[in-house]
Each structure stands twice: as structure tokens, then as C-alpha cells.
């Protein structure tokens, strides 16, 4: 999936898994699980700033769990 490929370009991310979910109001949305590289711990704010510069707004996952 393209969103997974884009997220893997983040220097702190080791692996990504995304899935589509149906949202009552918004239709299909993307959610994701991210595993970080050992020793990495970016803040949620830093990650969200990065994704806004590297992923088109309509492709940005609505929900991301960082592990």
C-alpha cells in the first residue's frame, strides 16, 4: 500500500501496517500501527508535523498507534 511505503520513509520507523476502516460519517478511512526502530521515540507532535510535509492530506491515516 502506498501509505505504508510513505510512512516507512520516516527515519524512526521500522515497520508499518495499515488497514481501511469504514467510518459512519467519513466513509473509508485509513488506520495504522507503527513499530519504531530500537532507541527511537519521536513525539506525537513531531511525527504529525513530518507526515503533513510528506503525505498528501487525503492519504494521512486518521488513527495511528505507535509501538
C-alpha atoms as a PDB file:
ATOM      1  CA  UNK A   1       0.000   0.000   0.000  1.00  0.00           C
ATOM      2  CA  UNK A   2       1.293   3.454  -0.880  1.00  0.00           C
ATOM      3  CA  UNK A   3       0.657   4.919   2.576  1.00  0.00           C
ATOM      4  CA  UNK A   4       2.786   2.191   4.170  1.00  0.00           C
ATOM      5  CA  UNK A   5       5.621   2.940   1.745  1.00  0.00           C
ATOM      6  CA  UNK A   6       5.422   6.649   2.535  1.00  0.00           C
ATOM      7  CA  UNK A   7       5.424   6.049   6.298  1.00  0.00           C
ATOM      8  CA  UNK A   8       8.445   3.729   6.021  1.00  0.00           C
ATOM      9  CA  UNK A   9      10.423   6.736   4.737  1.00  0.00           C
ATOM     10  CA  UNK A  10      10.319   8.214   8.245  1.00  0.00           C
ATOM     11  CA  UNK A  11      13.809   7.759   9.766  1.00  0.00           C
ATOM     12  CA  UNK A  12      12.470   6.410  13.099  1.00  0.00           C
ATOM     13  CA  UNK A  13      10.013   3.830  11.725  1.00  0.00           C
ATOM     14  CA  UNK A  14      10.964   0.153  11.408  1.00  0.00           C
ATOM     15  CA  UNK A  15       7.653  -1.268  10.177  1.00  0.00           C
ATOM     16  CA  UNK A  16       4.126  -0.196   9.345  1.00  0.00           C
ATOM     17  CA  UNK A  17       0.780  -1.947   8.990  1.00  0.00           C
ATOM     18  CA  UNK A  18      -2.251  -0.078   7.699  1.00  0.00           C
ATOM     19  CA  UNK A  19      -5.873  -1.046   7.288  1.00  0.00           C
ATOM     20  CA  UNK A  20      -9.034   0.504   5.925  1.00  0.00           C
ATOM     21  CA  UNK A  21     -11.947   1.033   8.255  1.00  0.00           C
ATOM     22  CA  UNK A  22     -15.460   2.233   7.482  1.00  0.00           C
ATOM     23  CA  UNK A  23     -16.436   5.423   9.294  1.00  0.00           C
ATOM     24  CA  UNK A  24     -20.132   6.304   9.544  1.00  0.00           C
ATOM     25  CA  UNK A  25     -19.640   9.983   8.636  1.00  0.00           C
ATOM     26  CA  UNK A  26     -16.391   9.991   6.598  1.00  0.00           C
ATOM     27  CA  UNK A  27     -16.614   6.726   4.686  1.00  0.00           C
ATOM     28  CA  UNK A  28     -13.411   4.741   4.246  1.00  0.00           C
ATOM     29  CA  UNK A  29     -10.537   5.889   6.453  1.00  0.00           C
ATOM     30  CA  UNK A  30      -7.019   4.557   6.958  1.00  0.00           C
ATOM     31  CA  UNK A  31      -5.676   3.498  10.337  1.00  0.00           C
ATOM     32  CA  UNK A  32      -2.162   2.318  11.060  1.00  0.00           C
ATOM     33  CA  UNK A  33       0.166   0.604  13.504  1.00  0.00           C
ATOM     34  CA  UNK A  34       3.784   1.721  13.578  1.00  0.00           C
ATOM     35  CA  UNK A  35       6.760  -0.040  15.148  1.00  0.00           C
ATOM     36  CA  UNK A  36       9.719   2.194  15.862  1.00  0.00           C
ATOM     37  CA  UNK A  37      13.385   1.360  15.367  1.00  0.00           C
ATOM     38  CA  UNK A  38      15.181   0.458  18.598  1.00  0.00           C
ATOM     39  CA  UNK A  39      16.060   3.517  20.664  1.00  0.00           C
ATOM     40  CA  UNK A  40      13.743   5.868  18.764  1.00  0.00           C
ATOM     41  CA  UNK A  41      10.925   7.769  20.433  1.00  0.00           C
ATOM     42  CA  UNK A  42       9.654  10.677  18.350  1.00  0.00           C
ATOM     43  CA  UNK A  43       6.970  12.765  19.963  1.00  0.00           C
ATOM     44  CA  UNK A  44       3.491  12.530  18.516  1.00  0.00           C
ATOM     45  CA  UNK A  45       3.705  16.220  17.574  1.00  0.00           C
ATOM     46  CA  UNK A  46       6.982  15.707  15.669  1.00  0.00           C
ATOM     47  CA  UNK A  47       5.531  12.723  13.838  1.00  0.00           C
ATOM     48  CA  UNK A  48       2.371  14.572  12.821  1.00  0.00           C
ATOM     49  CA  UNK A  49       4.425  17.531  11.558  1.00  0.00           C
ATOM     50  CA  UNK A  50       6.580  15.155   9.484  1.00  0.00           C
ATOM     51  CA  UNK A  51       3.600  13.400   7.929  1.00  0.00           C
ATOM     52  CA  UNK A  52       1.969  16.689   6.904  1.00  0.00           C
ATOM     53  CA  UNK A  53       5.087  17.515   4.870  1.00  0.00           C
ATOM     54  CA  UNK A  54       5.495  14.053   3.312  1.00  0.00           C
ATOM     55  CA  UNK A  55       1.995  12.621   2.783  1.00  0.00           C
ATOM     56  CA  UNK A  56      -0.926  14.137   0.897  1.00  0.00           C
ATOM     57  CA  UNK A  57      -3.709  15.178   3.292  1.00  0.00           C
ATOM     58  CA  UNK A  58      -6.254  12.719   1.921  1.00  0.00           C
ATOM     59  CA  UNK A  59      -3.781   9.826   2.450  1.00  0.00           C
ATOM     60  CA  UNK A  60      -2.870  10.631   6.046  1.00  0.00           C
ATOM     61  CA  UNK A  61      -4.096   7.916   8.404  1.00  0.00           C
ATOM     62  CA  UNK A  62      -6.797   9.162  10.800  1.00  0.00           C
ATOM     63  CA  UNK A  63      -5.550   6.983  13.646  1.00  0.00           C
ATOM     64  CA  UNK A  64      -2.024   5.773  14.292  1.00  0.00           C
ATOM     65  CA  UNK A  65      -0.802   3.598  17.146  1.00  0.00           C
ATOM     66  CA  UNK A  66       2.925   3.925  17.829  1.00  0.00           C
ATOM     67  CA  UNK A  67       4.559   0.929  19.482  1.00  0.00           C
END
